Amino acid sequence: MSEKFLTLGIETSCDDSGVAILNNDEILCEFLSSQIKDHSKFGGVIPEFAARKHLENLLPLINTALKETKISGRELNLIAVTRGPGLMGSLIVGVQTAKALSQVWNVPLIGVNHLEGHLFAPLVDSKDLKPPFLSLIVSGGHTEIIKVEDFGKYELLGETRDDAAGEAYDKAAKILGLKYPGGPEIEKLSKSGDPKRFNFPVPLKNTDKIEFSFSGLKTALLWQVKKFQENNEEIPINDLCASFQRAVTESLIAKLNLAVKLTGINKISASGGVSANGNLRDALRTSKKFRAWLPEIKRCTDNAVMIAMAGKNEFDRGNYKNEEVIADPSLHQL
């Protein structure tokens, strides 16, 4: 039996406050305070408001986690906190809280790249996923394919030219008059829609580069909606949602197939908010060109378990340095 190693994970990159405690890779507790209802009335995340909500939520969540596990702060072996990318105010709340607790409890602190956190999300429940593999990170802020040669050894194979897939879903939902966040709303309406009614373009489907673009698809949806409006016709929202979702999924799968062809690696992981989309998950699971590992639905979006796992893995690789952790909203490359 492995020796006990307790990691506190803290995630505040955007609008969700996440806290988790792990013993090695075993999840002892995990909590998430979502701000979706707070921001939905604005149609998107308000950065200053998000930071203030983190100030309200974070310490109570940490206290709850410690009480739930009957662990004192000084018993922790490591604190892992998201240092970027993300919203500056939100990141500062998490980083400064983690730094204060690290000093008070005399516990090592590691700053985690949020993208590396997403990369680790599928490994929480899939111990059989080992490098090398390809990681599709697909969320509101990121759409990219990363080659994982080994943990800590990453190569960016391709990313989006413009909107991320999640961002495209949110913008599409706004065009259709749906509430924020757009992805779950479009998926829900798609279930009773015809995905083949509208022949929306599949962005960059046949190019020989691993790259994405969703702004043109969003524009195609906008013009289709305007056409119905100009003719005073009822807008077939369900069919539009299903057709838009089909085009997004086909784009993601096409570039994964290309990545598999170019690298010879047929093991795929997917993470990020859009990886919760049922249509995408079905396409990933039924592919004949690769095997896919997916996180549980609740860990597709931002969470502290993935941050704790990534931080612990970095610590195990000997990358801990007693240096100041600084929030970096523009942090990108792994």
Protein backbone atom coordinates (compact mmCIF):
# COMPACT_ATOMS: atom_id res chain seq x y z
CA MET A 1 0.00 0.00 0.00
CA SER A 2 1.40 3.37 -1.02
CA GLU A 3 2.31 5.94 1.59
CA LYS A 4 -0.27 8.61 2.29
CA PHE A 5 0.15 11.80 0.26
CA LEU A 6 -2.53 14.48 0.66
CA THR A 7 -3.04 17.11 -2.06
CA LEU A 8 -5.41 20.05 -1.83
CA GLY A 9 -6.53 21.20 -5.28
CA ILE A 10 -7.90 24.71 -5.89
CA GLU A 11 -9.49 25.82 -9.17
CA THR A 12 -10.70 29.40 -9.83
CA SER A 13 -9.78 30.07 -13.45
CA CYS A 14 -13.19 31.37 -14.54
CA ASP A 15 -16.57 31.30 -12.80
CA ASP A 16 -16.51 28.03 -10.82
CA SER A 17 -14.86 27.67 -7.42
CA GLY A 18 -13.48 24.15 -7.09
CA VAL A 19 -11.83 22.42 -4.12
CA ALA A 20 -10.72 18.80 -3.81
CA ILE A 21 -8.52 16.70 -1.54
CA LEU A 22 -6.74 13.62 -2.87
CA ASN A 23 -4.77 10.91 -1.14
CA ASN A 24 -2.35 10.02 -3.93
CA ASP A 25 -4.85 9.39 -6.78
CA GLU A 26 -7.80 8.61 -4.49
CA ILE A 27 -10.44 11.32 -4.28
CA LEU A 28 -11.31 11.96 -0.64
CA CYS A 29 -13.69 14.82 -1.40
CA GLU A 30 -14.52 17.30 -4.14
CA PHE A 31 -16.71 20.40 -4.08
CA LEU A 32 -17.73 22.87 -6.75
CA SER A 33 -19.59 26.14 -6.37
CA SER A 34 -21.03 27.09 -9.75
CA GLN A 35 -21.82 30.66 -10.77
CA ILE A 36 -23.89 29.78 -13.85
CA LYS A 37 -27.12 31.16 -12.38
CA ASP A 38 -25.32 34.35 -11.32
CA HIS A 39 -23.98 35.05 -14.80
CA SER A 40 -26.78 33.64 -16.99
CA LYS A 41 -28.82 36.84 -16.71
CA PHE A 42 -25.92 38.70 -18.32
CA GLY A 43 -25.55 36.18 -21.16
CA GLY A 44 -21.94 35.44 -20.22
CA VAL A 45 -19.32 35.65 -17.49
CA ILE A 46 -18.68 39.08 -15.93
CA PRO A 47 -15.02 38.91 -14.78
CA GLU A 48 -15.21 41.31 -11.82
CA PHE A 49 -18.39 39.66 -10.54
CA ALA A 50 -16.79 36.22 -10.88
CA ALA A 51 -13.79 37.28 -8.78
CA ARG A 52 -16.04 38.61 -6.03
CA LYS A 53 -18.01 35.36 -5.92
CA HIS A 54 -14.75 33.41 -5.59
CA LEU A 55 -13.88 35.58 -2.59
CA GLU A 56 -17.19 34.58 -1.01
CA ASN A 57 -17.04 30.88 -1.87
CA LEU A 58 -13.46 29.67 -1.74
CA LEU A 59 -12.51 29.63 1.95
CA PRO A 60 -15.86 28.12 3.04
CA LEU A 61 -15.35 25.35 0.46
CA ILE A 62 -11.83 24.65 1.75
CA ASN A 63 -13.09 24.54 5.34
CA THR A 64 -15.87 22.16 4.31
CA ALA A 65 -13.36 19.88 2.55
CA LEU A 66 -11.10 19.74 5.59
CA LYS A 67 -14.03 18.99 7.91
CA GLU A 68 -15.43 16.35 5.54
CA THR A 69 -12.11 14.49 5.46
CA LYS A 70 -11.18 15.24 9.09
CA ILE A 71 -7.82 16.56 7.88
CA SER A 72 -6.02 19.58 9.25
CA GLY A 73 -4.25 21.95 6.91
CA ARG A 74 -0.85 21.07 8.37
CA GLU A 75 -1.37 17.40 7.45
CA LEU A 76 -1.41 18.28 3.75
CA ASN A 77 1.61 17.34 1.67
CA LEU A 78 0.90 19.64 -1.26
CA ILE A 79 -1.36 22.46 -2.44
CA ALA A 80 -2.00 22.67 -6.19
CA VAL A 81 -3.69 25.78 -7.59
CA THR A 82 -4.58 26.94 -11.09
CA ARG A 83 -2.23 29.78 -12.06
CA GLY A 84 -3.51 30.31 -15.60
CA PRO A 85 -4.83 30.74 -18.17
CA GLY A 86 -8.11 32.32 -17.14
CA LEU A 87 -9.65 35.52 -15.83
CA MET A 88 -7.10 37.64 -13.96
CA GLY A 89 -9.31 38.48 -10.99
CA SER A 90 -10.48 34.90 -10.56
CA LEU A 91 -6.96 33.52 -10.79
CA ILE A 92 -5.65 36.03 -8.25
CA VAL A 93 -8.25 34.96 -5.68
CA GLY A 94 -7.23 31.30 -6.01
CA VAL A 95 -3.49 31.90 -6.14
CA GLN A 96 -3.39 34.36 -3.25
CA THR A 97 -5.54 32.08 -1.10
CA ALA A 98 -3.30 29.11 -1.88
CA LYS A 99 -0.15 31.13 -1.13
CA ALA A 100 -1.52 32.27 2.23
CA LEU A 101 -2.50 28.73 3.24
CA SER A 102 0.86 27.39 2.05
CA GLN A 103 2.68 29.83 4.32
CA VAL A 104 0.42 29.33 7.33
CA TRP A 105 0.48 25.52 7.10
CA ASN A 106 4.07 25.25 5.80
CA VAL A 107 2.95 23.12 2.84
CA PRO A 108 4.61 23.08 -0.63
CA LEU A 109 2.67 24.96 -3.32
CA ILE A 110 2.58 24.22 -7.06
CA GLY A 111 0.95 26.40 -9.72
CA VAL A 112 -0.82 24.32 -12.36
CA ASN A 113 -1.44 25.19 -15.99
CA HIS A 114 -5.21 24.95 -16.40
CA LEU A 115 -4.79 23.18 -19.75
CA GLU A 116 -2.63 20.51 -18.17
CA GLY A 117 -5.35 20.13 -15.58
CA HIS A 118 -7.87 19.37 -18.34
CA LEU A 119 -5.40 16.93 -19.82
CA PHE A 120 -5.46 14.99 -16.54
CA ALA A 121 -9.26 14.95 -16.17
CA PRO A 122 -9.79 11.69 -18.13
CA LEU A 123 -7.10 9.98 -16.07
CA VAL A 124 -9.07 10.41 -12.84
CA ASP A 125 -11.19 7.36 -13.62
CA SER A 126 -9.04 5.77 -16.35
CA LYS A 127 -5.88 4.38 -14.82
CA ASP A 128 -5.20 2.38 -18.00
CA LEU A 129 -4.58 5.49 -20.11
CA LYS A 130 -0.82 5.80 -20.48
CA PRO A 131 1.36 7.98 -22.75
CA PRO A 132 1.80 8.35 -25.59
CA PHE A 133 -1.71 9.56 -26.45
CA LEU A 134 -3.44 12.51 -28.10
CA SER A 135 -5.42 14.93 -25.96
CA LEU A 136 -8.34 16.93 -27.36
CA ILE A 137 -9.00 19.91 -25.09
CA VAL A 138 -12.28 21.44 -26.15
CA SER A 139 -13.91 24.13 -24.03
CA GLY A 140 -15.21 27.69 -24.07
CA GLY A 141 -11.74 29.11 -24.29
CA HIS A 142 -9.69 26.39 -25.96
CA THR A 143 -9.89 23.94 -28.82
CA GLU A 144 -6.63 22.14 -29.48
CA ILE A 145 -5.02 18.76 -29.96
CA ILE A 146 -1.93 18.00 -27.91
CA LYS A 147 0.47 15.10 -28.33
CA VAL A 148 1.31 13.66 -24.92
CA GLU A 149 4.64 11.94 -25.40
CA ASP A 150 4.90 11.63 -21.62
CA PHE A 151 3.57 13.58 -18.68
CA GLY A 152 5.33 16.92 -18.80
CA LYS A 153 6.39 16.38 -22.41
CA TYR A 154 3.74 17.91 -24.65
CA GLU A 155 3.53 19.06 -28.26
CA LEU A 156 0.76 21.31 -29.56
CA LEU A 157 -0.34 19.75 -32.86
CA GLY A 158 -3.03 22.29 -33.72
CA GLU A 159 -5.56 24.73 -32.34
CA THR A 160 -8.41 26.99 -33.37
CA ARG A 161 -7.84 30.01 -35.58
CA ASP A 162 -10.66 31.96 -33.97
CA ASP A 163 -13.54 30.90 -31.70
CA ALA A 164 -13.16 27.87 -29.49
CA ALA A 165 -15.90 25.26 -29.89
CA GLY A 166 -17.54 26.15 -26.59
CA GLU A 167 -17.47 29.83 -27.49
CA ALA A 168 -19.09 28.99 -30.82
CA TYR A 169 -21.87 27.13 -29.01
CA ASP A 170 -22.49 30.13 -26.74
CA LYS A 171 -22.62 32.53 -29.69
CA ALA A 172 -24.89 30.19 -31.62
CA ALA A 173 -27.24 29.98 -28.65
CA LYS A 174 -27.34 33.79 -28.47
CA ILE A 175 -28.26 33.97 -32.16
CA LEU A 176 -31.09 31.52 -31.51
CA GLY A 177 -32.29 33.36 -28.41
CA LEU A 178 -31.30 30.58 -26.02
CA LYS A 179 -29.95 31.07 -22.52
CA TYR A 180 -26.33 30.90 -21.38
CA PRO A 181 -24.41 28.61 -21.34
CA GLY A 182 -25.25 27.69 -24.89
CA GLY A 183 -23.80 24.20 -25.24
CA PRO A 184 -26.22 22.33 -22.97
CA GLU A 185 -29.21 24.22 -24.43
CA ILE A 186 -28.26 23.38 -28.02
CA GLU A 187 -27.64 19.74 -27.13
CA LYS A 188 -31.02 19.49 -25.40
CA LEU A 189 -32.95 20.91 -28.38
CA SER A 190 -30.88 18.88 -30.85
CA LYS A 191 -32.32 15.65 -29.51
CA SER A 192 -35.62 16.36 -31.29
CA GLY A 193 -34.06 18.01 -34.33
CA ASP A 194 -32.91 16.84 -37.77
CA PRO A 195 -29.08 17.11 -37.99
CA LYS A 196 -29.19 16.83 -41.80
CA ARG A 197 -31.81 19.48 -42.54
CA PHE A 198 -29.25 22.26 -42.88
CA ASN A 199 -26.01 21.55 -44.71
CA PHE A 200 -23.82 23.77 -42.56
CA PRO A 201 -20.16 23.77 -43.60
CA VAL A 202 -17.80 21.58 -41.59
CA PRO A 203 -14.93 24.01 -40.95
CA LEU A 204 -11.54 23.04 -42.45
CA LYS A 205 -12.71 19.45 -42.74
CA ASN A 206 -10.52 18.60 -45.72
CA THR A 207 -7.39 20.65 -45.05
CA ASP A 208 -4.12 18.85 -44.42
CA LYS A 209 -3.40 20.79 -41.22
CA ILE A 210 -4.55 20.09 -37.67
CA GLU A 211 -6.49 23.30 -37.14
CA PHE A 212 -9.98 24.48 -36.28
CA SER A 213 -12.23 27.42 -37.13
CA PHE A 214 -15.79 27.98 -35.98
CA SER A 215 -16.48 31.63 -36.85
CA GLY A 216 -17.67 30.75 -40.37
CA LEU A 217 -20.04 28.11 -39.04
CA LYS A 218 -21.48 30.62 -36.61
CA THR A 219 -21.99 33.09 -39.49
CA ALA A 220 -23.72 30.43 -41.58
CA LEU A 221 -26.16 29.88 -38.73
CA LEU A 222 -26.74 33.63 -38.40
CA TRP A 223 -27.59 34.04 -42.09
CA GLN A 224 -29.94 31.07 -42.00
CA VAL A 225 -31.81 32.57 -39.04
CA LYS A 226 -32.00 35.97 -40.79
CA LYS A 227 -33.44 34.29 -43.88
CA PHE A 228 -36.30 32.85 -41.85
CA GLN A 229 -36.85 36.21 -40.15
CA GLU A 230 -36.93 38.14 -43.44
CA ASN A 231 -39.52 35.74 -44.82
CA ASN A 232 -41.54 35.94 -41.59
CA GLU A 233 -41.23 32.17 -41.22
CA GLU A 234 -41.11 30.18 -38.03
CA ILE A 235 -37.52 29.42 -37.05
CA PRO A 236 -36.96 25.64 -36.76
CA ILE A 237 -34.70 25.96 -33.74
CA ASN A 238 -34.42 22.23 -33.03
CA ASP A 239 -33.25 21.44 -36.56
CA LEU A 240 -30.84 24.38 -36.54
CA CYS A 241 -29.37 23.21 -33.23
CA ALA A 242 -29.00 19.63 -34.44
CA SER A 243 -27.38 20.71 -37.72
CA PHE A 244 -25.00 23.11 -35.97
CA GLN A 245 -24.02 20.46 -33.42
CA ARG A 246 -23.40 17.92 -36.20
CA ALA A 247 -21.03 20.32 -37.98
CA VAL A 248 -19.05 21.03 -34.80
CA THR A 249 -18.72 17.34 -33.97
CA GLU A 250 -17.70 16.41 -37.52
CA SER A 251 -15.02 19.11 -37.47
CA LEU A 252 -13.54 17.84 -34.20
CA ILE A 253 -13.59 14.19 -35.32
CA ALA A 254 -12.07 15.02 -38.72
CA LYS A 255 -9.06 16.69 -37.12
CA LEU A 256 -8.64 13.89 -34.59
CA ASN A 257 -8.59 11.42 -37.48
CA LEU A 258 -5.93 13.54 -39.17
CA ALA A 259 -3.86 13.69 -35.97
CA VAL A 260 -4.04 9.90 -35.65
CA LYS A 261 -2.95 9.52 -39.28
CA LEU A 262 -0.01 11.93 -38.92
CA THR A 263 1.27 10.65 -35.58
CA GLY A 264 0.38 6.97 -35.71
CA ILE A 265 -1.08 7.30 -32.18
CA ASN A 266 -4.62 5.92 -31.90
CA LYS A 267 -5.27 6.58 -28.22
CA ILE A 268 -7.37 9.72 -27.64
CA SER A 269 -8.46 11.57 -24.53
CA ALA A 270 -10.98 14.40 -24.54
CA SER A 271 -11.68 16.99 -21.88
CA GLY A 272 -13.13 20.46 -21.37
CA GLY A 273 -16.75 21.54 -21.21
CA VAL A 274 -17.64 20.53 -24.77
CA SER A 275 -16.48 16.96 -24.06
CA ALA A 276 -19.71 16.64 -22.05
CA ASN A 277 -21.69 16.95 -25.29
CA GLY A 278 -23.49 13.66 -25.90
CA ASN A 279 -23.19 13.80 -29.67
CA LEU A 280 -19.42 14.28 -29.46
CA ARG A 281 -19.03 11.57 -26.83
CA ASP A 282 -20.93 9.09 -29.01
CA ALA A 283 -18.76 9.93 -32.01
CA LEU A 284 -15.58 9.52 -29.96
CA ARG A 285 -16.66 6.21 -28.47
CA THR A 286 -17.81 4.67 -31.76
CA SER A 287 -14.83 5.69 -33.87
CA LYS A 288 -13.10 2.86 -35.70
CA LYS A 289 -9.88 4.88 -36.07
CA PHE A 290 -9.04 5.36 -32.39
CA ARG A 291 -9.96 4.43 -28.85
CA ALA A 292 -11.19 7.28 -26.66
CA TRP A 293 -10.93 7.92 -22.93
CA LEU A 294 -13.43 10.44 -21.54
CA PRO A 295 -13.87 12.02 -18.12
CA GLU A 296 -17.08 11.74 -16.16
CA ILE A 297 -19.57 14.43 -17.16
CA LYS A 298 -19.03 16.32 -13.91
CA ARG A 299 -15.29 16.56 -14.60
CA CYS A 300 -15.54 17.78 -18.17
CA THR A 301 -15.89 21.34 -16.92
CA ASP A 302 -13.49 23.11 -14.57
CA ASN A 303 -12.88 21.19 -11.36
CA ALA A 304 -10.27 20.89 -8.62
CA VAL A 305 -9.68 17.13 -8.91
CA MET A 306 -7.91 17.56 -12.23
CA ILE A 307 -5.80 20.40 -10.80
CA ALA A 308 -4.81 18.30 -7.79
CA MET A 309 -3.89 15.34 -10.02
CA ALA A 310 -1.81 17.50 -12.37
CA GLY A 311 -0.05 19.17 -9.44
CA LYS A 312 0.71 15.87 -7.73
CA ASN A 313 2.08 14.45 -10.99
CA GLU A 314 4.33 17.48 -11.44
CA PHE A 315 5.53 17.15 -7.85
CA ASP A 316 6.30 13.46 -8.47
CA ARG A 317 8.31 14.42 -11.56
CA GLY A 318 10.53 16.49 -9.28
CA ASN A 319 9.42 19.84 -10.65
CA TYR A 320 8.67 21.43 -7.30
CA LYS A 321 10.67 24.60 -6.72
CA ASN A 322 10.29 26.86 -3.74
CA GLU A 323 9.39 29.82 -5.92
CA GLU A 324 6.54 32.29 -5.85
CA VAL A 325 3.45 31.20 -7.80
CA ILE A 326 2.12 34.06 -9.93
CA ALA A 327 -1.28 34.24 -11.63
CA ASP A 328 -0.89 34.46 -15.40
CA PRO A 329 -4.14 34.93 -17.34
CA SER A 330 -2.38 34.62 -20.71
CA LEU A 331 -0.55 31.39 -19.85
CA HIS A 332 -1.08 29.01 -22.73
CA GLN A 333 1.59 26.68 -23.93
CA LEU A 334 2.08 23.53 -21.86
